[in-house]
Amino acid sequence: MNKKNVEMIAIERIEILINSALREINDNEKLSQSYANMALKIAMRVRIRMPYTIRQLFCRKCKEFIVPGVNSRVRIGRTRVKCIRITCTKCNHVYRKLISM
């Protein structure tokens, strides 16, 4: 198998694992966390960058799988510079995403 095929298979499996983790987050958080960790390990092993939509589901500090409203808090800032604040409830790390208007 060449590198391109391996990368395509890895991306496909990462998406399957993340979708399974999102389905299981309400019922079994531990199982959901293990699915997400497997997806991270696949990405690191194959040395590919995960898409932005998947990357934003991981805390940047503790690397835990966070889902807005389940195990993270999402707030809209009240300053002149509009931003969304996402707080991980496990490590209380806050990161902001600017909202362009």
C-alpha atoms as a PDB file:
ATOM      1  CA  MET A   1       0.000   0.000   0.000  1.00  0.00           C
ATOM      2  CA  ASN A   2       1.262   3.450  -0.782  1.00  0.00           C
ATOM      3  CA  LYS A   3       1.141   6.401   1.591  1.00  0.00           C
ATOM      4  CA  LYS A   4      -1.920   7.994  -0.044  1.00  0.00           C
ATOM      5  CA  ASN A   5      -4.047   4.871   0.490  1.00  0.00           C
ATOM      6  CA  VAL A   6      -2.931   4.574   4.110  1.00  0.00           C
ATOM      7  CA  GLU A   7      -3.840   8.210   4.761  1.00  0.00           C
ATOM      8  CA  MET A   8      -7.288   7.826   3.182  1.00  0.00           C
ATOM      9  CA  ILE A   9      -8.024   4.710   5.258  1.00  0.00           C
ATOM     10  CA  ALA A  10      -6.801   6.468   8.415  1.00  0.00           C
ATOM     11  CA  ILE A  11      -9.005   9.523   7.794  1.00  0.00           C
ATOM     12  CA  GLU A  12     -11.998   7.269   7.162  1.00  0.00           C
ATOM     13  CA  ARG A  13     -11.414   5.349  10.408  1.00  0.00           C
ATOM     14  CA  ILE A  14     -10.876   8.551  12.393  1.00  0.00           C
ATOM     15  CA  GLU A  15     -14.228   9.890  11.175  1.00  0.00           C
ATOM     16  CA  ILE A  16     -15.959   6.621  12.097  1.00  0.00           C
ATOM     17  CA  LEU A  17     -14.439   6.671  15.596  1.00  0.00           C
ATOM     18  CA  ILE A  18     -15.334  10.332  16.206  1.00  0.00           C
ATOM     19  CA  ASN A  19     -18.926   9.774  15.038  1.00  0.00           C
ATOM     20  CA  SER A  20     -19.176   6.781  17.386  1.00  0.00           C
ATOM     21  CA  ALA A  21     -17.749   8.875  20.226  1.00  0.00           C
ATOM     22  CA  LEU A  22     -20.312  11.616  19.585  1.00  0.00           C
ATOM     23  CA  ARG A  23     -23.138   9.058  19.665  1.00  0.00           C
ATOM     24  CA  GLU A  24     -21.915   7.490  22.918  1.00  0.00           C
ATOM     25  CA  ILE A  25     -21.083  10.682  24.842  1.00  0.00           C
ATOM     26  CA  ASN A  26     -24.461  10.865  26.611  1.00  0.00           C
ATOM     27  CA  ASP A  27     -24.722   7.171  27.512  1.00  0.00           C
ATOM     28  CA  ASN A  28     -21.146   6.135  28.289  1.00  0.00           C
ATOM     29  CA  GLU A  29     -18.555   8.887  28.592  1.00  0.00           C
ATOM     30  CA  LYS A  30     -15.693   6.469  29.271  1.00  0.00           C
ATOM     31  CA  LEU A  31     -16.334   4.532  26.040  1.00  0.00           C
ATOM     32  CA  SER A  32     -16.630   7.789  24.128  1.00  0.00           C
ATOM     33  CA  GLN A  33     -13.284   8.948  25.527  1.00  0.00           C
ATOM     34  CA  SER A  34     -11.594   5.702  24.457  1.00  0.00           C
ATOM     35  CA  TYR A  35     -12.957   6.042  20.897  1.00  0.00           C
ATOM     36  CA  ALA A  36     -11.582   9.585  20.706  1.00  0.00           C
ATOM     37  CA  ASN A  37      -8.198   8.491  22.069  1.00  0.00           C
ATOM     38  CA  MET A  38      -8.009   5.750  19.431  1.00  0.00           C
ATOM     39  CA  ALA A  39      -8.703   8.334  16.728  1.00  0.00           C
ATOM     40  CA  LEU A  40      -5.886  10.529  18.089  1.00  0.00           C
ATOM     41  CA  LYS A  41      -3.479   7.589  18.132  1.00  0.00           C
ATOM     42  CA  ILE A  42      -4.317   6.704  14.529  1.00  0.00           C
ATOM     43  CA  ALA A  43      -3.670  10.291  13.431  1.00  0.00           C
ATOM     44  CA  MET A  44      -0.342  10.394  15.271  1.00  0.00           C
ATOM     45  CA  ARG A  45       0.735   6.991  13.971  1.00  0.00           C
ATOM     46  CA  VAL A  46       0.042   7.859  10.327  1.00  0.00           C
ATOM     47  CA  ARG A  47       1.270  11.433  10.856  1.00  0.00           C
ATOM     48  CA  ILE A  48      -1.747  13.195   9.418  1.00  0.00           C
ATOM     49  CA  ARG A  49      -3.424  16.371  10.572  1.00  0.00           C
ATOM     50  CA  MET A  50      -7.025  15.924  11.621  1.00  0.00           C
ATOM     51  CA  PRO A  51      -9.627  18.216  10.059  1.00  0.00           C
ATOM     52  CA  TYR A  52     -10.504  21.382  11.981  1.00  0.00           C
ATOM     53  CA  THR A  53     -14.021  20.164  12.824  1.00  0.00           C
ATOM     54  CA  ILE A  54     -12.543  17.153  14.605  1.00  0.00           C
ATOM     55  CA  ARG A  55      -9.612  19.028  16.182  1.00  0.00           C
ATOM     56  CA  GLN A  56     -11.927  21.470  17.936  1.00  0.00           C
ATOM     57  CA  LEU A  57     -13.523  18.569  19.833  1.00  0.00           C
ATOM     58  CA  PHE A  58     -10.327  18.048  21.860  1.00  0.00           C
ATOM     59  CA  CYS A  59      -9.137  20.223  24.732  1.00  0.00           C
ATOM     60  CA  ARG A  60      -5.829  21.831  23.868  1.00  0.00           C
ATOM     61  CA  LYS A  61      -4.475  21.481  27.381  1.00  0.00           C
ATOM     62  CA  CYS A  62      -5.547  18.071  28.700  1.00  0.00           C
ATOM     63  CA  LYS A  63      -6.285  16.472  25.278  1.00  0.00           C
ATOM     64  CA  GLU A  64      -9.643  15.159  26.503  1.00  0.00           C
ATOM     65  CA  PHE A  65     -12.593  14.718  24.152  1.00  0.00           C
ATOM     66  CA  ILE A  66     -15.000  17.579  24.846  1.00  0.00           C
ATOM     67  CA  VAL A  67     -18.460  18.104  23.414  1.00  0.00           C
ATOM     68  CA  PRO A  68     -20.104  21.519  23.808  1.00  0.00           C
ATOM     69  CA  GLY A  69     -22.926  21.359  26.321  1.00  0.00           C
ATOM     70  CA  VAL A  70     -21.954  17.927  27.662  1.00  0.00           C
ATOM     71  CA  ASN A  71     -18.512  18.282  29.230  1.00  0.00           C
ATOM     72  CA  SER A  72     -17.606  21.806  28.165  1.00  0.00           C
ATOM     73  CA  ARG A  73     -19.176  25.219  28.591  1.00  0.00           C
ATOM     74  CA  VAL A  74     -19.707  27.579  25.655  1.00  0.00           C
ATOM     75  CA  ARG A  75     -20.284  31.297  26.210  1.00  0.00           C
ATOM     76  CA  ILE A  76     -20.396  34.377  24.012  1.00  0.00           C
ATOM     77  CA  GLY A  77     -18.143  37.231  25.117  1.00  0.00           C
ATOM     78  CA  ARG A  78     -19.599  40.602  26.067  1.00  0.00           C
ATOM     79  CA  THR A  79     -16.710  42.822  25.022  1.00  0.00           C
ATOM     80  CA  ARG A  80     -16.223  44.944  21.913  1.00  0.00           C
ATOM     81  CA  VAL A  81     -14.299  42.088  20.304  1.00  0.00           C
ATOM     82  CA  LYS A  82     -16.877  39.354  19.854  1.00  0.00           C
ATOM     83  CA  CYS A  83     -15.634  35.877  20.651  1.00  0.00           C
ATOM     84  CA  ILE A  84     -16.877  32.482  21.763  1.00  0.00           C
ATOM     85  CA  ARG A  85     -15.336  31.163  24.985  1.00  0.00           C
ATOM     86  CA  ILE A  86     -15.096  27.399  25.358  1.00  0.00           C
ATOM     87  CA  THR A  87     -14.228  26.067  28.821  1.00  0.00           C
ATOM     88  CA  CYS A  88     -13.189  22.465  29.413  1.00  0.00           C
ATOM     89  CA  THR A  89     -14.894  21.270  32.603  1.00  0.00           C
ATOM     90  CA  LYS A  90     -12.133  18.743  33.346  1.00  0.00           C
ATOM     91  CA  CYS A  91      -9.126  21.116  33.466  1.00  0.00           C
ATOM     92  CA  ASN A  92     -10.936  24.526  33.330  1.00  0.00           C
ATOM     93  CA  HIS A  93      -8.837  25.636  30.365  1.00  0.00           C
ATOM     94  CA  VAL A  94     -10.516  28.491  28.463  1.00  0.00           C
ATOM     95  CA  TYR A  95      -9.896  29.185  24.822  1.00  0.00           C
ATOM     96  CA  ARG A  96     -11.522  31.725  22.575  1.00  0.00           C
ATOM     97  CA  LYS A  97     -12.593  31.820  18.956  1.00  0.00           C
ATOM     98  CA  LEU A  98     -13.082  35.210  17.366  1.00  0.00           C
ATOM     99  CA  ILE A  99     -16.366  35.880  15.598  1.00  0.00           C
ATOM    100  CA  SER A 100     -15.920  37.868  12.425  1.00  0.00           C
ATOM    101  CA  MET A 101     -18.745  40.227  11.549  1.00  0.00           C
END
